[in-house]
Amino acid sequence: MQSYFYVAIVTLMTALLCFAMAAQVARTRNKVGIFAPTLTGDPLLERTIRAHLNTLEWMPIFLPSLWLFALYWSPVGATVLGSIWIVGRIVYFLGYRSAAKNRSPGFFIQALAVFALLLGALGRIAYLAVTA
């Protein structure tokens, strides 16, 4: 049986990443003096919230793809690609916070990683279904 410990660690690191981004939203709110439920009024706050929400929007694509890739293809490959996704999201978050135009490198990194996971899992599952 293959070990999924590292895939589990990537999953938990993803949760910690989301928590850290939420904490950054809270710190930014305190810094600019705009509190919930208000979402607008300061460009830094708006970019910080948007970067956090964009990460949350990608998680339903990322997490199933990560685990299905690990189960049907390779836990090691899933761990590597999942780690790249996390790095991409961090680069994205930091870039977006600085200026919206700076989000592209992180987006590109994470998109490549998640599509490798998604298409890799889908291709392997389709292959196994056809050859079963």
Protein backbone atom coordinates (compact mmCIF):
# COMPACT_ATOMS: atom_id res chain seq x y z
CA MET A 1 0.00 0.00 0.00
CA GLN A 2 1.28 3.43 -0.91
CA SER A 3 1.77 6.03 1.76
CA TYR A 4 -0.36 9.16 1.59
CA PHE A 5 1.23 10.94 4.55
CA TYR A 6 2.79 13.64 2.39
CA VAL A 7 -0.39 14.22 0.42
CA ALA A 8 -2.17 14.66 3.75
CA ILE A 9 0.50 17.16 4.82
CA VAL A 10 -0.04 19.14 1.58
CA THR A 11 -3.78 19.12 2.30
CA LEU A 12 -3.24 20.45 5.81
CA MET A 13 -0.72 23.01 4.55
CA THR A 14 -3.43 24.21 2.17
CA ALA A 15 -5.75 24.70 5.13
CA LEU A 16 -3.01 26.61 6.97
CA LEU A 17 -2.45 28.75 3.89
CA CYS A 18 -6.13 29.71 3.83
CA PHE A 19 -6.02 30.47 7.54
CA ALA A 20 -2.93 32.65 7.07
CA MET A 21 -4.62 34.53 4.24
CA ALA A 22 -7.73 35.08 6.37
CA ALA A 23 -5.51 36.39 9.17
CA GLN A 24 -3.89 38.76 6.68
CA VAL A 25 -7.34 40.04 5.69
CA ALA A 26 -8.04 40.72 9.38
CA ARG A 27 -4.69 42.51 9.83
CA THR A 28 -5.34 44.58 6.73
CA ARG A 29 -8.80 45.51 8.02
CA ASN A 30 -7.25 46.73 11.26
CA LYS A 31 -4.53 48.63 9.39
CA VAL A 32 -6.96 50.51 7.13
CA GLY A 33 -9.79 50.81 9.67
CA ILE A 34 -12.48 49.13 7.57
CA PHE A 35 -14.31 46.38 9.41
CA ALA A 36 -16.73 43.61 8.44
CA PRO A 37 -19.09 43.41 6.71
CA THR A 38 -17.67 46.23 4.53
CA LEU A 39 -15.62 44.87 1.62
CA THR A 40 -14.68 48.06 -0.19
CA GLY A 41 -13.19 51.44 0.49
CA ASP A 42 -9.46 50.76 0.45
CA PRO A 43 -7.59 49.27 -2.54
CA LEU A 44 -5.20 47.23 -0.35
CA LEU A 45 -8.10 45.69 1.55
CA GLU A 46 -9.99 44.95 -1.65
CA ARG A 47 -6.94 43.24 -3.22
CA THR A 48 -6.25 41.26 -0.04
CA ILE A 49 -9.83 40.03 0.21
CA ARG A 50 -9.92 39.19 -3.50
CA ALA A 51 -6.63 37.26 -3.34
CA HIS A 52 -7.94 35.25 -0.38
CA LEU A 53 -11.28 34.56 -2.06
CA ASN A 54 -9.57 33.55 -5.29
CA THR A 55 -7.62 30.93 -3.36
CA LEU A 56 -10.83 29.63 -1.79
CA GLU A 57 -12.40 29.47 -5.26
CA TRP A 58 -9.56 27.24 -6.51
CA MET A 59 -9.67 24.82 -3.58
CA PRO A 60 -12.63 22.75 -4.87
CA ILE A 61 -10.62 22.20 -8.06
CA PHE A 62 -7.31 21.60 -6.32
CA LEU A 63 -8.14 19.26 -3.44
CA PRO A 64 -10.09 16.55 -5.32
CA SER A 65 -7.54 16.68 -8.13
CA LEU A 66 -4.70 16.31 -5.61
CA TRP A 67 -6.21 13.26 -3.95
CA LEU A 68 -7.41 11.55 -7.11
CA PHE A 69 -3.99 12.04 -8.70
CA ALA A 70 -2.41 10.54 -5.56
CA LEU A 71 -4.79 7.58 -5.51
CA TYR A 72 -4.75 6.74 -9.20
CA TRP A 73 -1.32 7.89 -10.28
CA SER A 74 1.34 8.78 -7.69
CA PRO A 75 1.36 10.10 -4.12
CA VAL A 76 4.86 11.48 -4.69
CA GLY A 77 3.80 13.28 -7.87
CA ALA A 78 0.72 14.64 -6.11
CA THR A 79 2.87 15.89 -3.24
CA VAL A 80 5.27 17.67 -5.59
CA LEU A 81 2.52 19.22 -7.71
CA GLY A 82 0.51 20.12 -4.60
CA SER A 83 3.53 21.84 -3.10
CA ILE A 84 4.03 23.78 -6.32
CA TRP A 85 0.35 24.82 -6.15
CA ILE A 86 0.85 26.15 -2.62
CA VAL A 87 3.94 28.11 -3.66
CA GLY A 88 2.01 29.50 -6.62
CA ARG A 89 -0.84 30.61 -4.39
CA ILE A 90 1.61 32.36 -2.05
CA VAL A 91 3.27 34.14 -4.99
CA TYR A 92 -0.20 35.03 -6.28
CA PHE A 93 -1.36 36.38 -2.91
CA LEU A 94 1.73 38.50 -2.34
CA GLY A 95 1.70 39.79 -5.89
CA TYR A 96 -2.00 40.63 -5.85
CA ARG A 97 -1.65 42.45 -2.53
CA SER A 98 1.10 44.65 -3.95
CA ALA A 99 -0.79 45.45 -7.19
CA ALA A 100 -3.41 43.58 -9.20
CA LYS A 101 -1.11 43.46 -12.22
CA ASN A 102 1.46 41.49 -10.17
CA ARG A 103 -0.78 38.44 -9.70
CA SER A 104 0.01 36.78 -13.04
CA PRO A 105 3.21 34.84 -12.16
CA GLY A 106 1.58 33.16 -9.17
CA PHE A 107 -1.57 32.45 -11.14
CA PHE A 108 0.45 30.80 -13.90
CA ILE A 109 2.40 28.61 -11.43
CA GLN A 110 -0.68 27.39 -9.56
CA ALA A 111 -2.74 26.92 -12.73
CA LEU A 112 -0.08 24.69 -14.29
CA ALA A 113 0.14 22.61 -11.12
CA VAL A 114 -3.61 22.19 -10.69
CA PHE A 115 -4.21 21.36 -14.35
CA ALA A 116 -1.43 18.76 -14.23
CA LEU A 117 -3.19 17.21 -11.23
CA LEU A 118 -6.65 17.46 -12.77
CA LEU A 119 -5.77 16.22 -16.25
CA GLY A 120 -3.38 13.62 -14.87
CA ALA A 121 -6.05 12.18 -12.58
CA LEU A 122 -8.74 12.34 -15.25
CA GLY A 123 -6.53 10.72 -17.86
CA ARG A 124 -5.42 7.92 -15.55
CA ILE A 125 -8.97 7.21 -14.33
CA ALA A 126 -10.30 7.20 -17.90
CA TYR A 127 -7.49 4.85 -18.98
CA LEU A 128 -8.17 2.46 -16.10
CA ALA A 129 -11.91 2.55 -16.80
CA VAL A 130 -11.42 1.72 -20.47
CA THR A 131 -8.91 -1.07 -19.82
CA ALA A 132 -10.83 -2.64 -16.92
